[in-house]
């Protein structure tokens, strides 16, 4: 089908991708807008994967104060060059991540940062709960599948990179996805190095 300039414009506004990338995505997906968004995201993931090994030691520390001074967040967001660190898009990303931390109270950066003893304790809690809720014992394989599913929900609640982005109404875009999309657009590796969240009286 013919890809109109209006279709390309709409896709670009939705995704922030380049004009030619949007046109190619629409052509590859026969004009299907939703499929074109997925196509661009997958392309971004591939591009981001290539950049993941690059050293990111520039960036900025974003400070965010919320709720009339009751909640404060500091987050260090790294990139590869000082030039990118000064871009409005990079600063906006740092601000959005700081707001996410203020609102969603993550305890860890990623699932890999959760201590092994915490994971084991969570698994044991899930097994106990499942056993109490079930009238019959679950086969070990089924039990572990249920536990694994519950563990993913734990990560989505307490690990920043696994949390659904608070501004995404579909709740499908995670903070990791948000960063990956920005990597694809900016062309540099971007990483959250560390963060701290303060809450008055907590």
Foldseek 3Di string as FASTA:
>chain_A
DDDDPVLLVVLCVVQVDDSVLSVVLCVVVVNDSVSSNVVLLVVLLVLQVVQQPPDWDDADWDWDADDVRQKIKIWTKTWRDPVVNPDPVRVVLNVLLRVCCRPQVAPAAAPVGDDPVVLVVQLVVQLVVVVVVDPDDDDPVVSVVVSVVVVLVVRCRHHQQNDQRPVDPVSPQGSVSVQSSVCSNVVIHMDTDDMDMGGPPD
